[in-house]
Amino acid sequence: MPNTKNTKTTTGTHTSRNAPKTPDDDDPDGEDQTVTDNRPSPMDVLREARAQLAELTGMTAESVSSFAQTEDGWSLEVEVLELERVPDTMSLMATYEVELDPEGRLTGYRRVRRYERGRADAHRSGGR
């Protein structure tokens, strides 16, 4: 038996969540219902954090090894090339903890670890 229920279908329209609404959108009175979301995307935060840390320290930020949104903004761990050596596996690397505000602006950083590029973390057993 065919479904004879009346349904409303929408075809081919998509509005970005950041796009301002027009007076015709869902408001018969024509009042402005613009919703703005100025928060940066996670990828924007990552790019900006690396760029800001590199500018402040003068060192190359190679990768982000940890990334989380916090109550106060964002928290990242960034791997940085501190001292380039030959061979490359002997270069000195560092992990920096980077804090950013909700808009992605760097508010603080600190080095939490320094290591040679070719070295893995020591494996700790639970028996010690």
N, C-alpha and C. Protein backbone atom coordinates (compact mmCIF):
# COMPACT_ATOMS: atom_id res chain seq x y z
N MET A 1 0.85 -1.17 0.00
CA MET A 1 0.00 0.00 0.00
C MET A 1 0.89 1.23 0.00
N PRO A 2 0.69 2.15 -0.89
CA PRO A 2 1.54 3.33 -0.97
C PRO A 2 1.31 4.28 0.19
N ASN A 3 2.33 5.00 0.54
CA ASN A 3 2.25 5.99 1.61
C ASN A 3 1.60 7.25 1.05
N THR A 4 0.45 7.62 1.59
CA THR A 4 -0.28 8.78 1.08
C THR A 4 -0.17 9.98 2.01
N LYS A 5 0.68 9.90 3.00
CA LYS A 5 0.86 10.98 3.96
C LYS A 5 1.54 12.17 3.28
N ASN A 6 1.07 13.37 3.56
CA ASN A 6 1.69 14.57 3.01
C ASN A 6 3.01 14.83 3.71
N THR A 7 4.07 14.97 2.93
CA THR A 7 5.38 15.29 3.49
C THR A 7 5.97 16.45 2.74
N LYS A 8 6.72 17.25 3.45
CA LYS A 8 7.39 18.39 2.84
C LYS A 8 8.81 17.98 2.47
N THR A 9 9.19 18.21 1.24
CA THR A 9 10.54 17.86 0.81
C THR A 9 11.32 19.12 0.47
N THR A 10 12.62 19.08 0.81
CA THR A 10 13.51 20.18 0.49
C THR A 10 14.50 19.68 -0.54
N THR A 11 14.71 20.46 -1.58
CA THR A 11 15.64 20.03 -2.61
C THR A 11 16.72 21.07 -2.86
N GLY A 12 17.95 20.61 -2.80
CA GLY A 12 19.09 21.40 -3.24
C GLY A 12 19.41 22.66 -2.49
N THR A 13 18.93 22.86 -1.28
CA THR A 13 19.31 24.06 -0.54
C THR A 13 20.15 23.68 0.65
N HIS A 14 21.22 24.42 0.84
CA HIS A 14 22.10 24.19 1.98
C HIS A 14 22.61 25.54 2.44
N THR A 15 22.47 25.80 3.72
CA THR A 15 22.96 27.05 4.28
C THR A 15 24.06 26.74 5.26
N SER A 16 25.18 27.41 5.11
CA SER A 16 26.28 27.26 6.05
C SER A 16 25.83 27.70 7.42
N ARG A 17 26.36 27.05 8.47
CA ARG A 17 25.95 27.44 9.82
C ARG A 17 26.45 28.82 10.19
N ASN A 18 27.42 29.33 9.46
CA ASN A 18 27.95 30.66 9.73
C ASN A 18 27.33 31.72 8.84
N ALA A 19 26.49 31.31 7.89
CA ALA A 19 25.90 32.27 6.96
C ALA A 19 24.81 33.06 7.66
N PRO A 20 24.81 34.37 7.46
CA PRO A 20 23.76 35.17 8.09
C PRO A 20 22.41 34.85 7.46
N LYS A 21 21.40 34.88 8.29
CA LYS A 21 20.04 34.64 7.77
C LYS A 21 19.51 35.90 7.13
N THR A 22 18.68 35.70 6.14
CA THR A 22 18.01 36.83 5.49
C THR A 22 16.69 37.07 6.20
N PRO A 23 16.09 38.23 6.03
CA PRO A 23 14.80 38.50 6.69
C PRO A 23 13.73 37.48 6.33
N ASP A 24 13.84 36.81 5.19
CA ASP A 24 12.84 35.84 4.77
C ASP A 24 12.99 34.50 5.48
N ASP A 25 14.16 34.22 6.05
CA ASP A 25 14.44 32.92 6.64
C ASP A 25 13.71 32.73 7.96
N ASP A 26 12.70 31.91 7.97
CA ASP A 26 12.00 31.46 9.17
C ASP A 26 11.46 32.58 10.06
N ASP A 27 11.36 33.81 9.58
CA ASP A 27 10.90 34.89 10.44
C ASP A 27 9.92 35.77 9.66
N PRO A 28 8.64 35.58 9.87
CA PRO A 28 7.65 36.36 9.13
C PRO A 28 7.67 37.84 9.46
N ASP A 29 8.23 38.24 10.63
CA ASP A 29 8.28 39.65 11.01
C ASP A 29 9.46 40.38 10.38
N GLY A 30 10.38 39.63 9.76
CA GLY A 30 11.53 40.26 9.12
C GLY A 30 12.62 40.68 10.09
N GLU A 31 12.55 40.25 11.35
CA GLU A 31 13.60 40.60 12.31
C GLU A 31 14.86 39.81 12.00
N ASP A 32 16.01 40.43 12.25
CA ASP A 32 17.30 39.78 12.00
C ASP A 32 17.56 38.72 13.05
N GLN A 33 17.81 37.48 12.61
CA GLN A 33 18.12 36.39 13.51
C GLN A 33 19.50 35.84 13.21
N THR A 34 20.45 36.71 12.89
CA THR A 34 21.79 36.29 12.53
C THR A 34 22.46 35.59 13.70
N VAL A 35 23.02 34.42 13.42
CA VAL A 35 23.76 33.67 14.42
C VAL A 35 25.22 33.68 13.98
N THR A 36 26.09 34.17 14.86
CA THR A 36 27.50 34.18 14.51
C THR A 36 28.25 33.23 15.41
N ASP A 37 29.19 32.53 14.83
CA ASP A 37 30.03 31.60 15.55
C ASP A 37 31.47 31.93 15.18
N ASN A 38 32.12 32.71 16.03
CA ASN A 38 33.47 33.19 15.73
C ASN A 38 34.56 32.23 16.18
N ARG A 39 34.19 31.09 16.73
CA ARG A 39 35.20 30.14 17.17
C ARG A 39 35.94 29.58 15.97
N PRO A 40 37.27 29.48 16.07
CA PRO A 40 38.03 28.91 14.96
C PRO A 40 37.84 27.39 14.91
N SER A 41 38.04 26.81 13.75
CA SER A 41 37.96 25.36 13.61
C SER A 41 39.21 24.74 14.24
N PRO A 42 39.16 23.46 14.60
CA PRO A 42 40.36 22.82 15.17
C PRO A 42 41.59 22.93 14.26
N MET A 43 41.40 22.79 12.96
CA MET A 43 42.55 22.90 12.05
C MET A 43 43.12 24.31 12.06
N ASP A 44 42.27 25.32 12.14
CA ASP A 44 42.75 26.70 12.24
C ASP A 44 43.55 26.89 13.52
N VAL A 45 43.07 26.32 14.61
CA VAL A 45 43.77 26.42 15.90
C VAL A 45 45.15 25.78 15.80
N LEU A 46 45.22 24.58 15.20
CA LEU A 46 46.50 23.88 15.06
C LEU A 46 47.50 24.71 14.24
N ARG A 47 47.04 25.21 13.11
CA ARG A 47 47.93 26.01 12.25
C ARG A 47 48.43 27.26 12.96
N GLU A 48 47.51 27.96 13.60
CA GLU A 48 47.86 29.20 14.29
C GLU A 48 48.80 28.94 15.47
N ALA A 49 48.56 27.87 16.22
CA ALA A 49 49.42 27.54 17.36
C ALA A 49 50.84 27.27 16.90
N ARG A 50 50.99 26.50 15.84
CA ARG A 50 52.33 26.20 15.32
C ARG A 50 53.02 27.48 14.85
N ALA A 51 52.29 28.31 14.14
CA ALA A 51 52.86 29.56 13.63
C ALA A 51 53.26 30.50 14.76
N GLN A 52 52.39 30.64 15.76
CA GLN A 52 52.68 31.55 16.88
C GLN A 52 53.87 31.05 17.70
N LEU A 53 53.94 29.73 17.95
CA LEU A 53 55.06 29.19 18.71
C LEU A 53 56.36 29.36 17.95
N ALA A 54 56.35 29.12 16.66
CA ALA A 54 57.55 29.29 15.83
C ALA A 54 58.01 30.75 15.84
N GLU A 55 57.06 31.67 15.77
CA GLU A 55 57.41 33.09 15.78
C GLU A 55 58.02 33.50 17.12
N LEU A 56 57.46 33.01 18.21
CA LEU A 56 57.96 33.37 19.53
C LEU A 56 59.32 32.75 19.85
N THR A 57 59.52 31.50 19.47
CA THR A 57 60.75 30.79 19.85
C THR A 57 61.82 30.83 18.77
N GLY A 58 61.43 31.08 17.53
CA GLY A 58 62.39 31.05 16.43
C GLY A 58 62.76 29.63 16.01
N MET A 59 62.01 28.65 16.52
CA MET A 59 62.28 27.23 16.19
C MET A 59 61.15 26.67 15.35
N THR A 60 61.47 25.65 14.57
CA THR A 60 60.49 25.03 13.68
C THR A 60 59.57 24.09 14.45
N ALA A 61 58.28 24.37 14.39
CA ALA A 61 57.28 23.47 14.97
C ALA A 61 56.98 22.40 13.93
N GLU A 62 57.38 21.16 14.22
CA GLU A 62 57.26 20.10 13.22
C GLU A 62 55.92 19.39 13.22
N SER A 63 55.35 19.16 14.39
CA SER A 63 54.07 18.45 14.44
C SER A 63 53.37 18.71 15.76
N VAL A 64 52.08 18.39 15.77
CA VAL A 64 51.28 18.49 16.99
C VAL A 64 51.00 17.06 17.42
N SER A 65 51.46 16.69 18.62
CA SER A 65 51.30 15.31 19.08
C SER A 65 50.11 15.13 20.01
N SER A 66 49.55 16.24 20.50
CA SER A 66 48.40 16.16 21.38
C SER A 66 47.59 17.44 21.22
N PHE A 67 46.25 17.29 21.26
CA PHE A 67 45.37 18.42 21.01
C PHE A 67 44.06 18.20 21.74
N ALA A 68 43.63 19.18 22.53
CA ALA A 68 42.36 19.04 23.25
C ALA A 68 41.73 20.41 23.49
N GLN A 69 40.41 20.45 23.44
CA GLN A 69 39.70 21.66 23.81
C GLN A 69 39.46 21.60 25.32
N THR A 70 39.72 22.71 26.01
CA THR A 70 39.58 22.77 27.46
C THR A 70 38.52 23.80 27.82
N GLU A 71 38.25 23.92 29.11
CA GLU A 71 37.30 24.94 29.57
C GLU A 71 37.80 26.35 29.26
N ASP A 72 39.13 26.53 29.26
CA ASP A 72 39.74 27.84 29.06
C ASP A 72 40.18 28.11 27.63
N GLY A 73 39.99 27.15 26.72
CA GLY A 73 40.42 27.34 25.34
C GLY A 73 40.90 26.03 24.73
N TRP A 74 42.22 25.97 24.48
CA TRP A 74 42.81 24.81 23.82
C TRP A 74 44.13 24.47 24.49
N SER A 75 44.50 23.19 24.48
CA SER A 75 45.77 22.73 25.01
C SER A 75 46.40 21.81 23.98
N LEU A 76 47.67 22.06 23.64
CA LEU A 76 48.36 21.27 22.63
C LEU A 76 49.74 20.88 23.13
N GLU A 77 50.28 19.80 22.57
CA GLU A 77 51.68 19.46 22.71
C GLU A 77 52.26 19.51 21.31
N VAL A 78 53.30 20.32 21.16
CA VAL A 78 53.90 20.55 19.85
C VAL A 78 55.34 20.06 19.87
N GLU A 79 55.70 19.29 18.85
CA GLU A 79 57.07 18.80 18.71
C GLU A 79 57.88 19.83 17.91
N VAL A 80 59.01 20.25 18.48
CA VAL A 80 59.80 21.34 17.91
C VAL A 80 61.23 20.87 17.68
N LEU A 81 61.81 21.27 16.56
CA LEU A 81 63.23 21.02 16.28
C LEU A 81 64.04 22.11 16.99
N GLU A 82 64.78 21.72 18.04
CA GLU A 82 65.55 22.70 18.80
C GLU A 82 66.97 22.87 18.27
N LEU A 83 67.59 21.77 17.86
CA LEU A 83 68.97 21.85 17.38
C LEU A 83 69.17 20.81 16.29
N GLU A 84 69.42 21.30 15.07
CA GLU A 84 69.59 20.39 13.93
C GLU A 84 71.02 19.87 13.92
N ARG A 85 71.15 18.54 13.77
CA ARG A 85 72.47 17.89 13.72
C ARG A 85 72.52 16.93 12.55
N VAL A 86 73.74 16.53 12.21
CA VAL A 86 73.96 15.53 11.16
C VAL A 86 74.61 14.33 11.85
N PRO A 87 74.05 13.14 11.69
CA PRO A 87 72.83 12.80 10.94
C PRO A 87 71.58 13.33 11.65
N ASP A 88 70.51 13.40 10.89
CA ASP A 88 69.25 13.96 11.37
C ASP A 88 68.72 13.25 12.61
N THR A 89 69.03 11.96 12.75
CA THR A 89 68.55 11.21 13.90
C THR A 89 69.18 11.68 15.21
N MET A 90 70.22 12.50 15.13
CA MET A 90 70.86 13.04 16.33
C MET A 90 70.37 14.46 16.65
N SER A 91 69.48 15.01 15.85
CA SER A 91 68.94 16.34 16.11
C SER A 91 68.20 16.35 17.44
N LEU A 92 68.25 17.49 18.13
CA LEU A 92 67.54 17.61 19.39
C LEU A 92 66.14 18.15 19.15
N MET A 93 65.18 17.42 19.69
CA MET A 93 63.77 17.76 19.58
C MET A 93 63.27 18.13 20.97
N ALA A 94 62.12 18.80 21.03
CA ALA A 94 61.50 19.12 22.30
C ALA A 94 59.99 19.07 22.14
N THR A 95 59.33 18.75 23.23
CA THR A 95 57.88 18.80 23.29
C THR A 95 57.50 20.03 24.11
N TYR A 96 56.68 20.88 23.51
CA TYR A 96 56.20 22.08 24.20
C TYR A 96 54.71 21.95 24.47
N GLU A 97 54.32 22.26 25.69
CA GLU A 97 52.91 22.34 26.05
C GLU A 97 52.47 23.76 25.74
N VAL A 98 51.45 23.91 24.93
CA VAL A 98 50.99 25.22 24.46
C VAL A 98 49.53 25.40 24.87
N GLU A 99 49.25 26.55 25.48
CA GLU A 99 47.89 26.89 25.89
C GLU A 99 47.38 28.04 25.02
N LEU A 100 46.12 27.93 24.58
CA LEU A 100 45.51 28.97 23.76
C LEU A 100 44.15 29.34 24.34
N ASP A 101 43.74 30.59 24.09
CA ASP A 101 42.41 31.02 24.53
C ASP A 101 41.37 30.45 23.56
N PRO A 102 40.08 30.63 23.82
CA PRO A 102 39.05 30.05 22.94
C PRO A 102 39.13 30.52 21.49
N GLU A 103 39.70 31.70 21.24
CA GLU A 103 39.81 32.21 19.87
C GLU A 103 41.08 31.70 19.17
N GLY A 104 41.93 30.94 19.88
CA GLY A 104 43.12 30.37 19.27
C GLY A 104 44.37 31.21 19.44
N ARG A 105 44.34 32.23 20.31
CA ARG A 105 45.53 33.05 20.55
C ARG A 105 46.37 32.41 21.65
N LEU A 106 47.67 32.32 21.41
CA LEU A 106 48.57 31.70 22.36
C LEU A 106 48.62 32.50 23.66
N THR A 107 48.41 31.83 24.78
CA THR A 107 48.45 32.49 26.08
C THR A 107 49.63 32.03 26.93
N GLY A 108 50.26 30.92 26.54
CA GLY A 108 51.41 30.44 27.29
C GLY A 108 51.98 29.18 26.68
N TYR A 109 53.25 28.92 26.97
CA TYR A 109 53.88 27.68 26.53
C TYR A 109 55.02 27.34 27.47
N ARG A 110 55.40 26.05 27.50
CA ARG A 110 56.56 25.62 28.28
C ARG A 110 57.09 24.33 27.70
N ARG A 111 58.41 24.15 27.79
CA ARG A 111 59.02 22.91 27.32
C ARG A 111 58.84 21.85 28.40
N VAL A 112 58.33 20.70 28.01
CA VAL A 112 58.08 19.63 28.96
C VAL A 112 58.99 18.42 28.75
N ARG A 113 59.70 18.39 27.62
CA ARG A 113 60.55 17.24 27.32
C ARG A 113 61.55 17.62 26.25
N ARG A 114 62.76 17.07 26.35
CA ARG A 114 63.79 17.26 25.32
C ARG A 114 64.39 15.90 25.02
N TYR A 115 64.62 15.61 23.74
CA TYR A 115 65.08 14.27 23.35
C TYR A 115 65.77 14.32 21.99
N GLU A 116 66.54 13.26 21.69
CA GLU A 116 67.13 13.12 20.36
C GLU A 116 66.07 12.55 19.43
N ARG A 117 66.06 13.04 18.19
CA ARG A 117 65.02 12.63 17.23
C ARG A 117 64.94 11.12 17.09
N GLY A 118 66.02 10.43 17.06
CA GLY A 118 66.03 8.98 16.82
C GLY A 118 65.71 8.14 18.04
N ARG A 119 65.48 8.74 19.18
CA ARG A 119 65.22 7.99 20.42
C ARG A 119 63.74 7.84 20.70
N ALA A 120 63.37 6.63 21.06
CA ALA A 120 62.01 6.36 21.49
C ALA A 120 61.94 6.54 23.01
N ASP A 121 60.75 6.77 23.52
CA ASP A 121 60.58 6.84 24.98
C ASP A 121 60.94 5.49 25.58
N ALA A 122 61.53 5.52 26.77
CA ALA A 122 61.87 4.29 27.47
C ALA A 122 60.57 3.62 27.92
N HIS A 123 60.51 2.31 27.73
CA HIS A 123 59.32 1.56 28.15
C HIS A 123 59.45 1.23 29.63
N ARG A 124 58.45 1.62 30.40
CA ARG A 124 58.46 1.35 31.84
C ARG A 124 57.56 0.17 32.15
N SER A 125 58.07 -0.74 32.91
CA SER A 125 57.24 -1.87 33.30
C SER A 125 56.62 -1.59 34.66
N GLY A 126 55.51 -2.22 34.93
CA GLY A 126 54.80 -2.00 36.18
C GLY A 126 55.46 -2.68 37.37
N GLY A 127 56.52 -3.47 37.18
CA GLY A 127 57.13 -4.24 38.25
C GLY A 127 58.18 -3.50 39.05
N ARG A 128 58.49 -2.24 38.74
CA ARG A 128 59.54 -1.52 39.47
C ARG A 128 59.06 -0.94 40.73
